[in-house]
Amino acid sequence: MGFNSDWTQHDGYLHAGIVTAVVDNACGYAAYTLMPEASSVLTVEYKVNFLRPAKGDRFVGIGRVVKPGRTFTVCNGEVLAEQGEGTKLIATMQATMLAIPSAETGNR
């Protein structure tokens, strides 16, 4: 995701809510890759550690499945800030994702 000044907080850094949305999506899609095709994924809990201010030209979310399950999947995630030739880790996440069966999602 490219930097957008509309998404910054008072000091000009990318807002924590946006950083969290990036890594939450990365973890959700990582979990979804192991779920039945007709199901849906929902975040049920997460913890985020912000390691440094979110400053960069581009932000990359990475999600990894730690423990897959039929109902709950535990994931880890990271957000990297890219600026020029450098990349810095700015946030980490531990999350639990819920697989919602197709009958509950209306077969989306």
PDB file of N, CA and C in Angstrom:
ATOM      1  N   MET A   1       0.839  -1.158   0.000  1.00  0.00           N
ATOM      2  CA  MET A   1       0.000   0.000   0.000  1.00  0.00           C
ATOM      3  C   MET A   1       0.895   1.234   0.000  1.00  0.00           C
ATOM      4  N   GLY A   2       0.608   2.145  -0.861  1.00  0.00           N
ATOM      5  CA  GLY A   2       1.373   3.382  -0.910  1.00  0.00           C
ATOM      6  C   GLY A   2       0.976   4.342   0.203  1.00  0.00           C
ATOM      7  N   PHE A   3       1.893   5.227   0.562  1.00  0.00           N
ATOM      8  CA  PHE A   3       1.632   6.241   1.576  1.00  0.00           C
ATOM      9  C   PHE A   3       0.552   7.197   1.084  1.00  0.00           C
ATOM     10  N   ASN A   4      -0.334   7.603   2.001  1.00  0.00           N
ATOM     11  CA  ASN A   4      -1.374   8.574   1.692  1.00  0.00           C
ATOM     12  C   ASN A   4      -1.495   9.485   2.913  1.00  0.00           C
ATOM     13  N   SER A   5      -1.276  10.774   2.732  1.00  0.00           N
ATOM     14  CA  SER A   5      -1.304  11.711   3.860  1.00  0.00           C
ATOM     15  C   SER A   5      -2.680  11.798   4.522  1.00  0.00           C
ATOM     16  N   ASP A   6      -3.732  11.377   3.835  1.00  0.00           N
ATOM     17  CA  ASP A   6      -5.070  11.354   4.438  1.00  0.00           C
ATOM     18  C   ASP A   6      -5.159  10.334   5.575  1.00  0.00           C
ATOM     19  N   TRP A   7      -4.233   9.397   5.647  1.00  0.00           N
ATOM     20  CA  TRP A   7      -4.272   8.319   6.634  1.00  0.00           C
ATOM     21  C   TRP A   7      -3.269   8.522   7.757  1.00  0.00           C
ATOM     22  N   THR A   8      -2.811   9.747   7.952  1.00  0.00           N
ATOM     23  CA  THR A   8      -1.801   9.998   8.981  1.00  0.00           C
ATOM     24  C   THR A   8      -2.425  10.537  10.262  1.00  0.00           C
ATOM     25  N   GLN A   9      -1.633  10.442  11.337  1.00  0.00           N
ATOM     26  CA  GLN A   9      -2.033  11.040  12.604  1.00  0.00           C
ATOM     27  C   GLN A   9      -1.357  12.401  12.717  1.00  0.00           C
ATOM     28  N   HIS A  10      -1.426  13.034  13.867  1.00  0.00           N
ATOM     29  CA  HIS A  10      -0.981  14.421  14.043  1.00  0.00           C
ATOM     30  C   HIS A  10       0.506  14.669  13.769  1.00  0.00           C
ATOM     31  N   ASP A  11       1.361  13.640  13.873  1.00  0.00           N
ATOM     32  CA  ASP A  11       2.791  13.816  13.600  1.00  0.00           C
ATOM     33  C   ASP A  11       3.186  13.454  12.177  1.00  0.00           C
ATOM     34  N   GLY A  12       2.215  13.075  11.348  1.00  0.00           N
ATOM     35  CA  GLY A  12       2.505  12.765   9.956  1.00  0.00           C
ATOM     36  C   GLY A  12       2.849  11.316   9.677  1.00  0.00           C
ATOM     37  N   TYR A  13       2.809  10.474  10.708  1.00  0.00           N
ATOM     38  CA  TYR A  13       3.043   9.043  10.517  1.00  0.00           C
ATOM     39  C   TYR A  13       1.730   8.365  10.139  1.00  0.00           C
ATOM     40  N   LEU A  14       1.822   7.240   9.444  1.00  0.00           N
ATOM     41  CA  LEU A  14       0.631   6.467   9.131  1.00  0.00           C
ATOM     42  C   LEU A  14      -0.063   6.092  10.430  1.00  0.00           C
ATOM     43  N   HIS A  15      -1.354   6.296  10.504  1.00  0.00           N
ATOM     44  CA  HIS A  15      -2.122   6.062  11.739  1.00  0.00           C
ATOM     45  C   HIS A  15      -2.090   4.581  12.120  1.00  0.00           C
ATOM     46  N   ALA A  16      -2.043   4.308  13.417  1.00  0.00           N
ATOM     47  CA  ALA A  16      -1.996   2.934  13.928  1.00  0.00           C
ATOM     48  C   ALA A  16      -3.180   2.107  13.451  1.00  0.00           C
ATOM     49  N   GLY A  17      -4.344   2.722  13.307  1.00  0.00           N
ATOM     50  CA  GLY A  17      -5.520   1.997  12.816  1.00  0.00           C
ATOM     51  C   GLY A  17      -5.335   1.501  11.397  1.00  0.00           C
ATOM     52  N   ILE A  18      -4.643   2.269  10.566  1.00  0.00           N
ATOM     53  CA  ILE A  18      -4.371   1.854   9.188  1.00  0.00           C
ATOM     54  C   ILE A  18      -3.332   0.741   9.179  1.00  0.00           C
ATOM     55  N   VAL A  19      -2.283   0.897   9.988  1.00  0.00           N
ATOM     56  CA  VAL A  19      -1.256  -0.148  10.096  1.00  0.00           C
ATOM     57  C   VAL A  19      -1.908  -1.461  10.523  1.00  0.00           C
ATOM     58  N   THR A  20      -2.785  -1.388  11.525  1.00  0.00           N
ATOM     59  CA  THR A  20      -3.481  -2.575  12.017  1.00  0.00           C
ATOM     60  C   THR A  20      -4.363  -3.187  10.935  1.00  0.00           C
ATOM     61  N   ALA A  21      -5.050  -2.364  10.162  1.00  0.00           N
ATOM     62  CA  ALA A  21      -5.893  -2.879   9.077  1.00  0.00           C
ATOM     63  C   ALA A  21      -5.066  -3.643   8.044  1.00  0.00           C
ATOM     64  N   VAL A  22      -3.876  -3.142   7.741  1.00  0.00           N
ATOM     65  CA  VAL A  22      -2.998  -3.810   6.770  1.00  0.00           C
ATOM     66  C   VAL A  22      -2.623  -5.209   7.258  1.00  0.00           C
ATOM     67  N   VAL A  23      -2.169  -5.324   8.499  1.00  0.00           N
ATOM     68  CA  VAL A  23      -1.703  -6.619   9.006  1.00  0.00           C
ATOM     69  C   VAL A  23      -2.882  -7.547   9.344  1.00  0.00           C
ATOM     70  N   ASP A  24      -4.016  -6.993   9.746  1.00  0.00           N
ATOM     71  CA  ASP A  24      -5.203  -7.808   9.982  1.00  0.00           C
ATOM     72  C   ASP A  24      -5.656  -8.467   8.678  1.00  0.00           C
ATOM     73  N   ASN A  25      -5.645  -7.708   7.596  1.00  0.00           N
ATOM     74  CA  ASN A  25      -5.995  -8.280   6.289  1.00  0.00           C
ATOM     75  C   ASN A  25      -5.006  -9.345   5.858  1.00  0.00           C
ATOM     76  N   ALA A  26      -3.720  -9.107   6.078  1.00  0.00           N
ATOM     77  CA  ALA A  26      -2.702 -10.091   5.703  1.00  0.00           C
ATOM     78  C   ALA A  26      -2.906 -11.399   6.460  1.00  0.00           C
ATOM     79  N   CYS A  27      -3.175 -11.300   7.759  1.00  0.00           N
ATOM     80  CA  CYS A  27      -3.416 -12.511   8.556  1.00  0.00           C
ATOM     81  C   CYS A  27      -4.717 -13.186   8.128  1.00  0.00           C
ATOM     82  N   GLY A  28      -5.742 -12.414   7.874  1.00  0.00           N
ATOM     83  CA  GLY A  28      -7.022 -12.981   7.450  1.00  0.00           C
ATOM     84  C   GLY A  28      -6.908 -13.748   6.149  1.00  0.00           C
ATOM     85  N   TYR A  29      -6.216 -13.186   5.179  1.00  0.00           N
ATOM     86  CA  TYR A  29      -6.046 -13.885   3.904  1.00  0.00           C
ATOM     87  C   TYR A  29      -5.152 -15.114   4.040  1.00  0.00           C
ATOM     88  N   ALA A  30      -4.147 -15.038   4.913  1.00  0.00           N
ATOM     89  CA  ALA A  30      -3.311 -16.222   5.150  1.00  0.00           C
ATOM     90  C   ALA A  30      -4.162 -17.361   5.705  1.00  0.00           C
ATOM     91  N   ALA A  31      -5.006 -17.045   6.686  1.00  0.00           N
ATOM     92  CA  ALA A  31      -5.889 -18.066   7.265  1.00  0.00           C
ATOM     93  C   ALA A  31      -6.882 -18.575   6.237  1.00  0.00           C
ATOM     94  N   TYR A  32      -7.424 -17.680   5.437  1.00  0.00           N
ATOM     95  CA  TYR A  32      -8.448 -18.033   4.450  1.00  0.00           C
ATOM     96  C   TYR A  32      -7.929 -19.030   3.409  1.00  0.00           C
ATOM     97  N   THR A  33      -6.630 -19.003   3.134  1.00  0.00           N
ATOM     98  CA  THR A  33      -6.072 -19.936   2.143  1.00  0.00           C
ATOM     99  C   THR A  33      -6.216 -21.389   2.572  1.00  0.00           C
ATOM    100  N   LEU A  34      -6.435 -21.629   3.867  1.00  0.00           N
ATOM    101  CA  LEU A  34      -6.560 -22.992   4.374  1.00  0.00           C
ATOM    102  C   LEU A  34      -7.996 -23.360   4.725  1.00  0.00           C
ATOM    103  N   MET A  35      -8.932 -22.456   4.449  1.00  0.00           N
ATOM    104  CA  MET A  35     -10.339 -22.698   4.789  1.00  0.00           C
ATOM    105  C   MET A  35     -11.101 -23.205   3.560  1.00  0.00           C
ATOM    106  N   PRO A  36     -12.231 -23.886   3.785  1.00  0.00           N
ATOM    107  CA  PRO A  36     -13.043 -24.326   2.651  1.00  0.00           C
ATOM    108  C   PRO A  36     -13.423 -23.146   1.757  1.00  0.00           C
ATOM    109  N   GLU A  37     -13.477 -23.390   0.466  1.00  0.00           N
ATOM    110  CA  GLU A  37     -13.686 -22.330  -0.515  1.00  0.00           C
ATOM    111  C   GLU A  37     -14.943 -21.497  -0.266  1.00  0.00           C
ATOM    112  N   ALA A  38     -16.033 -22.113   0.112  1.00  0.00           N
ATOM    113  CA  ALA A  38     -17.296 -21.386   0.284  1.00  0.00           C
ATOM    114  C   ALA A  38     -17.409 -20.700   1.646  1.00  0.00           C
ATOM    115  N   SER A  39     -16.420 -20.852   2.495  1.00  0.00           N
ATOM    116  CA  SER A  39     -16.490 -20.249   3.827  1.00  0.00           C
ATOM    117  C   SER A  39     -16.071 -18.781   3.772  1.00  0.00           C
ATOM    118  N   SER A  40     -16.143 -18.159   4.928  1.00  0.00           N
ATOM    119  CA  SER A  40     -15.705 -16.782   5.089  1.00  0.00           C
ATOM    120  C   SER A  40     -14.796 -16.728   6.316  1.00  0.00           C
ATOM    121  N   VAL A  41     -14.008 -15.678   6.418  1.00  0.00           N
ATOM    122  CA  VAL A  41     -13.078 -15.548   7.538  1.00  0.00           C
ATOM    123  C   VAL A  41     -13.426 -14.299   8.337  1.00  0.00           C
ATOM    124  N   LEU A  42     -13.267 -14.402   9.658  1.00  0.00           N
ATOM    125  CA  LEU A  42     -13.571 -13.291  10.548  1.00  0.00           C
ATOM    126  C   LEU A  42     -12.509 -13.240  11.644  1.00  0.00           C
ATOM    127  N   THR A  43     -11.976 -12.064  11.913  1.00  0.00           N
ATOM    128  CA  THR A  43     -11.025 -11.888  13.005  1.00  0.00           C
ATOM    129  C   THR A  43     -11.783 -11.927  14.323  1.00  0.00           C
ATOM    130  N   VAL A  44     -11.307 -12.745  15.272  1.00  0.00           N
ATOM    131  CA  VAL A  44     -11.961 -12.797  16.585  1.00  0.00           C
ATOM    132  C   VAL A  44     -11.106 -12.177  17.690  1.00  0.00           C
ATOM    133  N   GLU A  45      -9.810 -12.062  17.471  1.00  0.00           N
ATOM    134  CA  GLU A  45      -8.958 -11.347  18.430  1.00  0.00           C
ATOM    135  C   GLU A  45      -7.597 -11.110  17.807  1.00  0.00           C
ATOM    136  N   TYR A  46      -6.929 -10.062  18.305  1.00  0.00           N
ATOM    137  CA  TYR A  46      -5.540  -9.834  17.912  1.00  0.00           C
ATOM    138  C   TYR A  46      -4.837  -8.952  18.920  1.00  0.00           C
ATOM    139  N   LYS A  47      -3.506  -9.019  18.852  1.00  0.00           N
ATOM    140  CA  LYS A  47      -2.639  -8.153  19.641  1.00  0.00           C
ATOM    141  C   LYS A  47      -1.594  -7.601  18.690  1.00  0.00           C
ATOM    142  N   VAL A  48      -1.374  -6.307  18.768  1.00  0.00           N
ATOM    143  CA  VAL A  48      -0.408  -5.651  17.892  1.00  0.00           C
ATOM    144  C   VAL A  48       0.677  -5.002  18.731  1.00  0.00           C
ATOM    145  N   ASN A  49       1.913  -5.146  18.283  1.00  0.00           N
ATOM    146  CA  ASN A  49       3.031  -4.402  18.849  1.00  0.00           C
ATOM    147  C   ASN A  49       3.523  -3.438  17.776  1.00  0.00           C
ATOM    148  N   PHE A  50       3.519  -2.142  18.090  1.00  0.00           N
ATOM    149  CA  PHE A  50       4.056  -1.130  17.186  1.00  0.00           C
ATOM    150  C   PHE A  50       5.510  -0.907  17.573  1.00  0.00           C
ATOM    151  N   LEU A  51       6.411  -1.190  16.653  1.00  0.00           N
ATOM    152  CA  LEU A  51       7.841  -1.209  16.954  1.00  0.00           C
ATOM    153  C   LEU A  51       8.550   0.099  16.656  1.00  0.00           C
ATOM    154  N   ARG A  52       8.000   0.875  15.735  1.00  0.00           N
ATOM    155  CA  ARG A  52       8.561   2.190  15.399  1.00  0.00           C
ATOM    156  C   ARG A  52       7.498   2.976  14.654  1.00  0.00           C
ATOM    157  N   PRO A  53       7.661   4.288  14.530  1.00  0.00           N
ATOM    158  CA  PRO A  53       6.669   5.084  13.806  1.00  0.00           C
ATOM    159  C   PRO A  53       6.529   4.609  12.359  1.00  0.00           C
ATOM    160  N   ALA A  54       5.321   4.652  11.873  1.00  0.00           N
ATOM    161  CA  ALA A  54       5.018   4.169  10.517  1.00  0.00           C
ATOM    162  C   ALA A  54       5.321   5.262   9.501  1.00  0.00           C
ATOM    163  N   LYS A  55       6.565   5.268   9.071  1.00  0.00           N
ATOM    164  CA  LYS A  55       7.036   6.248   8.097  1.00  0.00           C
ATOM    165  C   LYS A  55       7.600   5.494   6.904  1.00  0.00           C
ATOM    166  N   GLY A  56       7.126   5.830   5.712  1.00  0.00           N
ATOM    167  CA  GLY A  56       7.639   5.180   4.520  1.00  0.00           C
ATOM    168  C   GLY A  56       6.865   5.586   3.285  1.00  0.00           C
ATOM    169  N   ASP A  57       7.347   5.123   2.145  1.00  0.00           N
ATOM    170  CA  ASP A  57       6.686   5.377   0.868  1.00  0.00           C
ATOM    171  C   ASP A  57       5.650   4.298   0.568  1.00  0.00           C
ATOM    172  N   ARG A  58       5.888   3.117   1.130  1.00  0.00           N
ATOM    173  CA  ARG A  58       5.041   1.959   0.855  1.00  0.00           C
ATOM    174  C   ARG A  58       5.036   1.064   2.084  1.00  0.00           C
ATOM    175  N   PHE A  59       3.888   0.404   2.312  1.00  0.00           N
ATOM    176  CA  PHE A  59       3.732  -0.474   3.468  1.00  0.00           C
ATOM    177  C   PHE A  59       3.278  -1.849   2.989  1.00  0.00           C
ATOM    178  N   VAL A  60       3.924  -2.880   3.524  1.00  0.00           N
ATOM    179  CA  VAL A  60       3.645  -4.252   3.097  1.00  0.00           C
ATOM    180  C   VAL A  60       3.211  -5.065   4.311  1.00  0.00           C
ATOM    181  N   GLY A  61       2.066  -5.739   4.193  1.00  0.00           N
ATOM    182  CA  GLY A  61       1.588  -6.633   5.233  1.00  0.00           C
ATOM    183  C   GLY A  61       1.889  -8.071   4.870  1.00  0.00           C
ATOM    184  N   ILE A  62       2.394  -8.822   5.822  1.00  0.00           N
ATOM    185  CA  ILE A  62       2.719 -10.239   5.612  1.00  0.00           C
ATOM    186  C   ILE A  62       1.997 -11.036   6.692  1.00  0.00           C
ATOM    187  N   GLY A  63       1.229 -12.034   6.291  1.00  0.00           N
ATOM    188  CA  GLY A  63       0.534 -12.895   7.235  1.00  0.00           C
ATOM    189  C   GLY A  63       0.987 -14.329   7.085  1.00  0.00           C
ATOM    190  N   ARG A  64       1.126 -15.027   8.196  1.00  0.00           N
ATOM    191  CA  ARG A  64       1.536 -16.437   8.190  1.00  0.00           C
ATOM    192  C   ARG A  64       0.657 -17.218   9.149  1.00  0.00           C
ATOM    193  N   VAL A  65       0.277 -18.403   8.747  1.00  0.00           N
ATOM    194  CA  VAL A  65      -0.489 -19.279   9.629  1.00  0.00           C
ATOM    195  C   VAL A  65       0.480 -19.978  10.569  1.00  0.00           C
ATOM    196  N   VAL A  66       0.203 -19.899  11.866  1.00  0.00           N
ATOM    197  CA  VAL A  66       0.999 -20.566  12.887  1.00  0.00           C
ATOM    198  C   VAL A  66       0.384 -21.919  13.218  1.00  0.00           C
ATOM    199  N   LYS A  67      -0.938 -21.932  13.395  1.00  0.00           N
ATOM    200  CA  LYS A  67      -1.653 -23.155  13.754  1.00  0.00           C
ATOM    201  C   LYS A  67      -3.011 -23.153  13.069  1.00  0.00           C
ATOM    202  N   PRO A  68      -3.143 -23.947  12.007  1.00  0.00           N
ATOM    203  CA  PRO A  68      -4.447 -24.030  11.341  1.00  0.00           C
ATOM    204  C   PRO A  68      -5.412 -24.874  12.163  1.00  0.00           C
ATOM    205  N   GLY A  69      -6.673 -24.618  11.984  1.00  0.00           N
ATOM    206  CA  GLY A  69      -7.695 -25.411  12.652  1.00  0.00           C
ATOM    207  C   GLY A  69      -8.976 -25.401  11.841  1.00  0.00           C
ATOM    208  N   ARG A  70      -9.870 -26.313  12.164  1.00  0.00           N
ATOM    209  CA  ARG A  70     -11.135 -26.401  11.443  1.00  0.00           C
ATOM    210  C   ARG A  70     -11.998 -25.165  11.702  1.00  0.00           C
ATOM    211  N   THR A  71     -11.961 -24.655  12.942  1.00  0.00           N
ATOM    212  CA  THR A  71     -12.764 -23.492  13.303  1.00  0.00           C
ATOM    213  C   THR A  71     -11.900 -22.253  13.520  1.00  0.00           C
ATOM    214  N   PHE A  72     -10.840 -22.382  14.314  1.00  0.00           N
ATOM    215  CA  PHE A  72      -9.959 -21.261  14.629  1.00  0.00           C
ATOM    216  C   PHE A  72      -8.570 -21.485  14.033  1.00  0.00           C
ATOM    217  N   THR A  73      -7.996 -20.420  13.506  1.00  0.00           N
ATOM    218  CA  THR A  73      -6.645 -20.456  12.957  1.00  0.00           C
ATOM    219  C   THR A  73      -5.846 -19.326  13.592  1.00  0.00           C
ATOM    220  N   VAL A  74      -4.666 -19.654  14.104  1.00  0.00           N
ATOM    221  CA  VAL A  74      -3.795 -18.658  14.719  1.00  0.00           C
ATOM    222  C   VAL A  74      -2.754 -18.215  13.693  1.00  0.00           C
ATOM    223  N   CYS A  75      -2.574 -16.900  13.604  1.00  0.00           N
ATOM    224  CA  CYS A  75      -1.650 -16.326  12.626  1.00  0.00           C
ATOM    225  C   CYS A  75      -0.700 -15.335  13.287  1.00  0.00           C
ATOM    226  N   ASN A  76       0.432 -15.122  12.647  1.00  0.00           N
ATOM    227  CA  ASN A  76       1.357 -14.034  12.961  1.00  0.00           C
ATOM    228  C   ASN A  76       1.417 -13.127  11.748  1.00  0.00           C
ATOM    229  N   GLY A  77       1.630 -11.854  11.991  1.00  0.00           N
ATOM    230  CA  GLY A  77       1.741 -10.924  10.879  1.00  0.00           C
ATOM    231  C   GLY A  77       2.767  -9.851  11.155  1.00  0.00           C
ATOM    232  N   GLU A  78       3.193  -9.213  10.078  1.00  0.00           N
ATOM    233  CA  GLU A  78       4.157  -8.118  10.147  1.00  0.00           C
ATOM    234  C   GLU A  78       3.746  -7.030   9.175  1.00  0.00           C
ATOM    235  N   VAL A  79       4.118  -5.801   9.507  1.00  0.00           N
ATOM    236  CA  VAL A  79       4.006  -4.703   8.557  1.00  0.00           C
ATOM    237  C   VAL A  79       5.402  -4.136   8.378  1.00  0.00           C
ATOM    238  N   LEU A  80       5.819  -4.049   7.124  1.00  0.00           N
ATOM    239  CA  LEU A  80       7.111  -3.482   6.763  1.00  0.00           C
ATOM    240  C   LEU A  80       6.892  -2.130   6.107  1.00  0.00           C
ATOM    241  N   ALA A  81       7.738  -1.155   6.445  1.00  0.00           N
ATOM    242  CA  ALA A  81       7.717   0.148   5.793  1.00  0.00           C
ATOM    243  C   ALA A  81       8.902   0.202   4.841  1.00  0.00           C
ATOM    244  N   GLU A  82       8.627   0.514   3.585  1.00  0.00           N
ATOM    245  CA  GLU A  82       9.682   0.655   2.583  1.00  0.00           C
ATOM    246  C   GLU A  82       9.878   2.133   2.287  1.00  0.00           C
ATOM    247  N   GLN A  83      11.134   2.552   2.352  1.00  0.00           N
ATOM    248  CA  GLN A  83      11.458   3.931   2.013  1.00  0.00           C
ATOM    249  C   GLN A  83      12.787   3.937   1.296  1.00  0.00           C
ATOM    250  N   GLY A  84      12.774   4.424   0.061  1.00  0.00           N
ATOM    251  CA  GLY A  84      13.975   4.357  -0.761  1.00  0.00           C
ATOM    252  C   GLY A  84      14.384   2.910  -0.935  1.00  0.00           C
ATOM    253  N   GLU A  85      15.609   2.588  -0.615  1.00  0.00           N
ATOM    254  CA  GLU A  85      16.116   1.221  -0.728  1.00  0.00           C
ATOM    255  C   GLU A  85      15.981   0.433   0.574  1.00  0.00           C
ATOM    256  N   GLY A  86      15.516   1.098   1.645  1.00  0.00           N
ATOM    257  CA  GLY A  86      15.460   0.448   2.946  1.00  0.00           C
ATOM    258  C   GLY A  86      14.080  -0.078   3.306  1.00  0.00           C
ATOM    259  N   THR A  87      14.078  -1.103   4.163  1.00  0.00           N
ATOM    260  CA  THR A  87      12.842  -1.695   4.675  1.00  0.00           C
ATOM    261  C   THR A  87      12.987  -1.856   6.176  1.00  0.00           C
ATOM    262  N   LYS A  88      11.947  -1.427   6.916  1.00  0.00           N
ATOM    263  CA  LYS A  88      11.971  -1.556   8.366  1.00  0.00           C
ATOM    264  C   LYS A  88      10.684  -2.218   8.840  1.00  0.00           C
ATOM    265  N   LEU A  89      10.828  -3.081   9.838  1.00  0.00           N
ATOM    266  CA  LEU A  89       9.688  -3.706  10.482  1.00  0.00           C
ATOM    267  C   LEU A  89       9.069  -2.681  11.427  1.00  0.00           C
ATOM    268  N   ILE A  90       7.763  -2.368  11.228  1.00  0.00           N
ATOM    269  CA  ILE A  90       7.139  -1.352  12.068  1.00  0.00           C
ATOM    270  C   ILE A  90       6.080  -1.916  13.021  1.00  0.00           C
ATOM    271  N   ALA A  91       5.537  -3.111  12.711  1.00  0.00           N
ATOM    272  CA  ALA A  91       4.513  -3.674  13.602  1.00  0.00           C
ATOM    273  C   ALA A  91       4.451  -5.190  13.439  1.00  0.00           C
ATOM    274  N   THR A  92       4.073  -5.853  14.533  1.00  0.00           N
ATOM    275  CA  THR A  92       3.824  -7.297  14.494  1.00  0.00           C
ATOM    276  C   THR A  92       2.440  -7.558  15.078  1.00  0.00           C
ATOM    277  N   MET A  93       1.842  -8.670  14.675  1.00  0.00           N
ATOM    278  CA  MET A  93       0.513  -9.028  15.156  1.00  0.00           C
ATOM    279  C   MET A  93       0.444 -10.521  15.438  1.00  0.00           C
ATOM    280  N   GLN A  94      -0.298 -10.871  16.459  1.00  0.00           N
ATOM    281  CA  GLN A  94      -0.713 -12.256  16.714  1.00  0.00           C
ATOM    282  C   GLN A  94      -2.224 -12.215  16.648  1.00  0.00           C
ATOM    283  N   ALA A  95      -2.843 -13.074  15.850  1.00  0.00           N
ATOM    284  CA  ALA A  95      -4.288 -13.008  15.633  1.00  0.00           C
ATOM    285  C   ALA A  95      -4.916 -14.389  15.594  1.00  0.00           C
ATOM    286  N   THR A  96      -6.185 -14.431  15.944  1.00  0.00           N
ATOM    287  CA  THR A  96      -6.980 -15.643  15.808  1.00  0.00           C
ATOM    288  C   THR A  96      -8.104 -15.354  14.822  1.00  0.00           C
ATOM    289  N   MET A  97      -8.234 -16.222  13.828  1.00  0.00           N
ATOM    290  CA  MET A  97      -9.241 -16.074  12.782  1.00  0.00           C
ATOM    291  C   MET A  97     -10.266 -17.198  12.895  1.00  0.00           C
ATOM    292  N   LEU A  98     -11.505 -16.855  12.612  1.00  0.00           N
ATOM    293  CA  LEU A  98     -12.615 -17.800  12.686  1.00  0.00           C
ATOM    294  C   LEU A  98     -13.078 -18.149  11.279  1.00  0.00           C
ATOM    295  N   ALA A  99     -13.205 -19.438  11.014  1.00  0.00           N
ATOM    296  CA  ALA A  99     -13.786 -19.906   9.751  1.00  0.00           C
ATOM    297  C   ALA A  99     -15.299 -19.947   9.924  1.00  0.00           C
ATOM    298  N   ILE A 100     -16.007 -19.201   9.085  1.00  0.00           N
ATOM    299  CA  ILE A 100     -17.461 -19.220   9.122  1.00  0.00           C
ATOM    300  C   ILE A 100     -17.934 -20.124   7.993  1.00  0.00           C
ATOM    301  N   PRO A 101     -18.632 -21.213   8.336  1.00  0.00           N
ATOM    302  CA  PRO A 101     -19.086 -22.158   7.303  1.00  0.00           C
ATOM    303  C   PRO A 101     -20.006 -21.497   6.282  1.00  0.00           C
ATOM    304  N   SER A 102     -20.046 -22.045   5.085  1.00  0.00           N
ATOM    305  CA  SER A 102     -20.825 -21.464   3.991  1.00  0.00           C
ATOM    306  C   SER A 102     -22.301 -21.328   4.337  1.00  0.00           C
ATOM    307  N   ALA A 103     -22.880 -22.215   5.144  1.00  0.00           N
ATOM    308  CA  ALA A 103     -24.300 -22.121   5.497  1.00  0.00           C
ATOM    309  C   ALA A 103     -24.597 -20.843   6.262  1.00  0.00           C
ATOM    310  N   GLU A 104     -23.619 -20.339   7.030  1.00  0.00           N
ATOM    311  CA  GLU A 104     -23.819 -19.130   7.806  1.00  0.00           C
ATOM    312  C   GLU A 104     -23.540 -17.876   6.995  1.00  0.00           C
ATOM    313  N   THR A 105     -22.806 -17.991   5.893  1.00  0.00           N
ATOM    314  CA  THR A 105     -22.448 -16.835   5.082  1.00  0.00           C
ATOM    315  C   THR A 105     -23.377 -16.653   3.897  1.00  0.00           C
ATOM    316  N   GLY A 106     -24.331 -17.548   3.724  1.00  0.00           N
ATOM    317  CA  GLY A 106     -25.209 -17.465   2.581  1.00  0.00           C
ATOM    318  C   GLY A 106     -24.531 -17.914   1.296  1.00  0.00           C
ATOM    319  N   ASN A 107     -23.520 -18.792   1.431  1.00  0.00           N
ATOM    320  CA  ASN A 107     -22.771 -19.321   0.281  1.00  0.00           C
ATOM    321  C   ASN A 107     -22.158 -18.225  -0.567  1.00  0.00           C
ATOM    322  N   ARG A 108     -21.506 -17.245   0.080  1.00  0.00           N
ATOM    323  CA  ARG A 108     -20.851 -16.168  -0.653  1.00  0.00           C
ATOM    324  C   ARG A 108     -19.734 -16.661  -1.489  1.00  0.00           C
TER     325      ARG A 108
END
